[in-house]
Amino acid sequence: MTVRALSISALADRLSGPVFKLDRPVVDMTGIHGVYDFTLNWAPDGAPADGHSGASIFTALQEQLGLKLEARKIVFKIIVVDHVDKDPSIN
């Protein structure tokens, strides 16, 4: 993955998405501001990439970017919409 002008916060958002399959939200707690260009090489789910065994996303982040993912329990807000009704006044 090659990225241009991405913040660490935006990287955390991407890590929370379906591509990385972490099955939990990733929250930026680095305090690092600004945007960065970087390349990150990893093998999804530890699968071989190009015939070579690749690093996991956890290892790649730490070795290539100096960032560490660690499990923590924190409080943050989530909005869940569990029901929607059509407005009867709109035709």
N, C-alpha and C. Protein backbone atom coordinates (compact mmCIF):
# COMPACT_ATOMS: atom_id res chain seq x y z
N MET A 1 0.86 -1.16 0.00
CA MET A 1 0.00 0.00 0.00
C MET A 1 0.91 1.23 0.00
N THR A 2 0.74 2.07 -1.01
CA THR A 2 1.46 3.33 -1.08
C THR A 2 0.47 4.45 -0.85
N VAL A 3 0.81 5.35 0.07
CA VAL A 3 -0.10 6.42 0.44
C VAL A 3 0.58 7.77 0.29
N ARG A 4 -0.20 8.75 -0.09
CA ARG A 4 0.28 10.13 -0.20
C ARG A 4 -0.60 11.03 0.67
N ALA A 5 0.03 11.87 1.46
CA ALA A 5 -0.66 12.88 2.27
C ALA A 5 -1.76 12.27 3.14
N LEU A 6 -1.39 11.30 3.95
CA LEU A 6 -2.35 10.64 4.84
C LEU A 6 -1.95 10.93 6.28
N SER A 7 -2.92 11.30 7.10
CA SER A 7 -2.64 11.52 8.52
C SER A 7 -2.66 10.19 9.26
N ILE A 8 -2.08 10.17 10.44
CA ILE A 8 -2.08 8.96 11.26
C ILE A 8 -3.52 8.63 11.68
N SER A 9 -4.31 9.65 11.92
CA SER A 9 -5.71 9.45 12.26
C SER A 9 -6.46 8.78 11.11
N ALA A 10 -6.20 9.23 9.88
CA ALA A 10 -6.84 8.62 8.71
C ALA A 10 -6.34 7.19 8.52
N LEU A 11 -5.07 6.92 8.82
CA LEU A 11 -4.55 5.57 8.76
C LEU A 11 -5.30 4.68 9.75
N ALA A 12 -5.52 5.18 10.96
CA ALA A 12 -6.28 4.42 11.96
C ALA A 12 -7.67 4.10 11.44
N ASP A 13 -8.33 5.06 10.79
CA ASP A 13 -9.65 4.82 10.21
C ASP A 13 -9.59 3.71 9.16
N ARG A 14 -8.57 3.74 8.32
CA ARG A 14 -8.42 2.70 7.28
C ARG A 14 -8.16 1.34 7.91
N LEU A 15 -7.37 1.31 8.96
CA LEU A 15 -7.09 0.05 9.63
C LEU A 15 -8.35 -0.55 10.24
N SER A 16 -9.33 0.28 10.56
CA SER A 16 -10.60 -0.19 11.10
C SER A 16 -11.50 -0.79 10.03
N GLY A 17 -11.18 -0.55 8.77
CA GLY A 17 -12.03 -0.98 7.66
C GLY A 17 -11.89 -2.46 7.31
N PRO A 18 -12.65 -2.88 6.31
CA PRO A 18 -12.71 -4.30 5.95
C PRO A 18 -11.45 -4.87 5.30
N VAL A 19 -10.60 -4.04 4.73
CA VAL A 19 -9.39 -4.53 4.05
C VAL A 19 -8.45 -5.23 5.04
N PHE A 20 -8.30 -4.68 6.22
CA PHE A 20 -7.33 -5.19 7.18
C PHE A 20 -7.89 -6.28 8.08
N LYS A 21 -9.20 -6.41 8.15
CA LYS A 21 -9.88 -7.48 8.90
C LYS A 21 -9.41 -7.59 10.35
N LEU A 22 -9.30 -6.46 11.02
CA LEU A 22 -8.87 -6.47 12.42
C LEU A 22 -10.03 -6.75 13.37
N ASP A 23 -11.26 -6.66 12.88
CA ASP A 23 -12.47 -6.96 13.66
C ASP A 23 -12.65 -6.11 14.90
N ARG A 24 -12.07 -4.91 14.88
CA ARG A 24 -12.28 -3.96 15.97
C ARG A 24 -11.85 -2.59 15.50
N PRO A 25 -12.37 -1.55 16.13
CA PRO A 25 -11.97 -0.21 15.72
C PRO A 25 -10.52 0.09 16.12
N VAL A 26 -9.86 0.90 15.31
CA VAL A 26 -8.51 1.36 15.61
C VAL A 26 -8.60 2.86 15.88
N VAL A 27 -8.07 3.28 17.01
CA VAL A 27 -8.14 4.67 17.43
C VAL A 27 -6.72 5.24 17.48
N ASP A 28 -6.53 6.39 16.85
CA ASP A 28 -5.22 7.05 16.87
C ASP A 28 -4.99 7.69 18.23
N MET A 29 -4.02 7.19 18.96
CA MET A 29 -3.67 7.76 20.26
C MET A 29 -2.22 8.24 20.25
N THR A 30 -1.67 8.48 19.04
CA THR A 30 -0.27 8.88 18.92
C THR A 30 -0.03 10.35 19.24
N GLY A 31 -1.00 11.19 18.95
CA GLY A 31 -0.79 12.63 19.11
C GLY A 31 0.04 13.22 17.98
N ILE A 32 0.32 12.42 16.95
CA ILE A 32 1.11 12.88 15.81
C ILE A 32 0.21 13.61 14.83
N HIS A 33 0.59 14.84 14.47
CA HIS A 33 -0.20 15.64 13.53
C HIS A 33 0.53 15.74 12.20
N GLY A 34 -0.19 16.16 11.19
CA GLY A 34 0.41 16.31 9.86
C GLY A 34 0.01 15.16 8.95
N VAL A 35 0.46 15.25 7.71
CA VAL A 35 0.18 14.20 6.74
C VAL A 35 1.50 13.64 6.22
N TYR A 36 1.48 12.38 5.84
CA TYR A 36 2.70 11.68 5.48
C TYR A 36 2.52 10.85 4.23
N ASP A 37 3.63 10.66 3.51
CA ASP A 37 3.70 9.75 2.37
C ASP A 37 4.48 8.53 2.86
N PHE A 38 3.96 7.33 2.59
CA PHE A 38 4.68 6.13 2.98
C PHE A 38 4.19 4.93 2.19
N THR A 39 5.00 3.89 2.23
CA THR A 39 4.63 2.61 1.64
C THR A 39 4.64 1.58 2.75
N LEU A 40 3.61 0.77 2.80
CA LEU A 40 3.49 -0.27 3.81
C LEU A 40 3.31 -1.61 3.10
N ASN A 41 4.21 -2.54 3.39
CA ASN A 41 4.16 -3.87 2.78
C ASN A 41 3.82 -4.91 3.83
N TRP A 42 2.77 -5.67 3.57
CA TRP A 42 2.37 -6.74 4.47
C TRP A 42 1.63 -7.80 3.66
N ALA A 43 1.46 -8.95 4.24
CA ALA A 43 0.69 -10.03 3.62
C ALA A 43 -0.62 -10.16 4.38
N PRO A 44 -1.75 -9.96 3.71
CA PRO A 44 -3.04 -10.08 4.40
C PRO A 44 -3.17 -11.43 5.09
N ASP A 45 -3.54 -11.40 6.36
CA ASP A 45 -3.73 -12.60 7.18
C ASP A 45 -2.50 -13.49 7.18
N GLY A 46 -1.30 -12.92 6.97
CA GLY A 46 -0.07 -13.70 6.97
C GLY A 46 0.11 -14.58 5.74
N ALA A 47 -0.75 -14.38 4.73
CA ALA A 47 -0.67 -15.19 3.51
C ALA A 47 0.59 -14.84 2.72
N PRO A 48 1.15 -15.80 2.00
CA PRO A 48 2.33 -15.50 1.18
C PRO A 48 2.01 -14.47 0.10
N ALA A 49 2.89 -13.52 -0.06
CA ALA A 49 2.75 -12.51 -1.11
C ALA A 49 3.88 -12.70 -2.10
N ASP A 50 3.56 -12.87 -3.36
CA ASP A 50 4.56 -13.07 -4.42
C ASP A 50 5.49 -14.25 -4.11
N GLY A 51 4.93 -15.30 -3.54
CA GLY A 51 5.73 -16.48 -3.26
C GLY A 51 6.58 -16.39 -2.01
N HIS A 52 6.57 -15.27 -1.31
CA HIS A 52 7.35 -15.11 -0.09
C HIS A 52 6.40 -14.90 1.08
N SER A 53 6.78 -15.39 2.21
CA SER A 53 5.97 -15.18 3.40
C SER A 53 6.07 -13.72 3.81
N GLY A 54 4.94 -13.05 3.95
CA GLY A 54 4.95 -11.63 4.28
C GLY A 54 4.66 -11.39 5.75
N ALA A 55 4.96 -10.19 6.17
CA ALA A 55 4.72 -9.79 7.56
C ALA A 55 3.23 -9.56 7.78
N SER A 56 2.79 -9.75 9.01
CA SER A 56 1.42 -9.41 9.37
C SER A 56 1.31 -7.88 9.40
N ILE A 57 0.09 -7.38 9.42
CA ILE A 57 -0.11 -5.93 9.48
C ILE A 57 0.47 -5.37 10.78
N PHE A 58 0.42 -6.13 11.86
CA PHE A 58 0.96 -5.70 13.15
C PHE A 58 2.48 -5.51 13.06
N THR A 59 3.16 -6.50 12.49
CA THR A 59 4.61 -6.45 12.33
C THR A 59 5.01 -5.35 11.36
N ALA A 60 4.30 -5.25 10.24
CA ALA A 60 4.62 -4.25 9.23
C ALA A 60 4.50 -2.84 9.79
N LEU A 61 3.45 -2.55 10.52
CA LEU A 61 3.27 -1.22 11.11
C LEU A 61 4.41 -0.88 12.06
N GLN A 62 4.81 -1.85 12.87
CA GLN A 62 5.86 -1.58 13.84
C GLN A 62 7.24 -1.46 13.18
N GLU A 63 7.57 -2.38 12.30
CA GLU A 63 8.90 -2.37 11.70
C GLU A 63 9.08 -1.30 10.64
N GLN A 64 8.03 -1.02 9.87
CA GLN A 64 8.16 -0.09 8.74
C GLN A 64 7.79 1.34 9.09
N LEU A 65 6.85 1.53 10.02
CA LEU A 65 6.40 2.88 10.35
C LEU A 65 6.67 3.27 11.81
N GLY A 66 7.09 2.33 12.61
CA GLY A 66 7.35 2.63 14.02
C GLY A 66 6.08 2.82 14.83
N LEU A 67 4.97 2.26 14.34
CA LEU A 67 3.69 2.36 15.04
C LEU A 67 3.33 1.00 15.61
N LYS A 68 2.73 0.98 16.80
CA LYS A 68 2.39 -0.28 17.42
C LYS A 68 0.89 -0.33 17.69
N LEU A 69 0.27 -1.42 17.25
CA LEU A 69 -1.14 -1.64 17.56
C LEU A 69 -1.20 -2.43 18.86
N GLU A 70 -1.95 -1.94 19.81
CA GLU A 70 -2.13 -2.69 21.05
C GLU A 70 -3.59 -2.62 21.47
N ALA A 71 -4.07 -3.72 22.00
CA ALA A 71 -5.46 -3.81 22.43
C ALA A 71 -5.63 -3.05 23.74
N ARG A 72 -6.62 -2.21 23.77
CA ARG A 72 -6.97 -1.46 24.98
C ARG A 72 -8.48 -1.31 25.03
N LYS A 73 -8.97 -1.08 26.22
CA LYS A 73 -10.37 -0.75 26.38
C LYS A 73 -10.45 0.74 26.62
N ILE A 74 -11.17 1.43 25.74
CA ILE A 74 -11.35 2.87 25.87
C ILE A 74 -12.82 3.19 25.67
N VAL A 75 -13.20 4.38 26.06
CA VAL A 75 -14.57 4.83 25.90
C VAL A 75 -14.63 5.76 24.69
N PHE A 76 -15.52 5.49 23.77
CA PHE A 76 -15.76 6.41 22.67
C PHE A 76 -17.20 6.26 22.23
N LYS A 77 -17.71 7.30 21.57
CA LYS A 77 -19.12 7.35 21.19
C LYS A 77 -19.37 6.62 19.87
N ILE A 78 -20.46 5.85 19.86
CA ILE A 78 -20.92 5.19 18.64
C ILE A 78 -22.40 5.51 18.50
N ILE A 79 -22.79 5.92 17.32
CA ILE A 79 -24.21 6.17 17.04
C ILE A 79 -24.74 4.98 16.26
N VAL A 80 -25.80 4.38 16.77
CA VAL A 80 -26.42 3.24 16.13
C VAL A 80 -27.85 3.60 15.77
N VAL A 81 -28.19 3.45 14.50
CA VAL A 81 -29.56 3.67 14.05
C VAL A 81 -30.18 2.29 13.91
N ASP A 82 -31.19 2.01 14.74
CA ASP A 82 -31.77 0.68 14.70
C ASP A 82 -33.17 0.65 14.09
N HIS A 83 -33.71 1.83 13.76
CA HIS A 83 -35.05 1.86 13.17
C HIS A 83 -35.26 3.17 12.42
N VAL A 84 -35.87 3.10 11.26
CA VAL A 84 -36.19 4.29 10.48
C VAL A 84 -37.60 4.13 9.96
N ASP A 85 -38.41 5.19 10.11
CA ASP A 85 -39.76 5.21 9.55
C ASP A 85 -39.82 6.24 8.46
N LYS A 86 -40.58 5.94 7.43
CA LYS A 86 -40.82 6.92 6.39
C LYS A 86 -41.69 8.04 6.94
N ASP A 87 -41.35 9.27 6.57
CA ASP A 87 -42.14 10.42 7.00
C ASP A 87 -43.45 10.42 6.21
N PRO A 88 -44.61 10.26 6.88
CA PRO A 88 -45.88 10.19 6.15
C PRO A 88 -46.26 11.50 5.45
N SER A 89 -45.64 12.62 5.82
CA SER A 89 -45.96 13.89 5.19
C SER A 89 -45.27 14.07 3.84
N ILE A 90 -44.29 13.23 3.52
CA ILE A 90 -43.58 13.33 2.24
C ILE A 90 -44.21 12.37 1.24
N ASN A 91 -44.63 12.91 0.10
CA ASN A 91 -45.25 12.06 -0.93
C ASN A 91 -44.39 11.96 -2.13
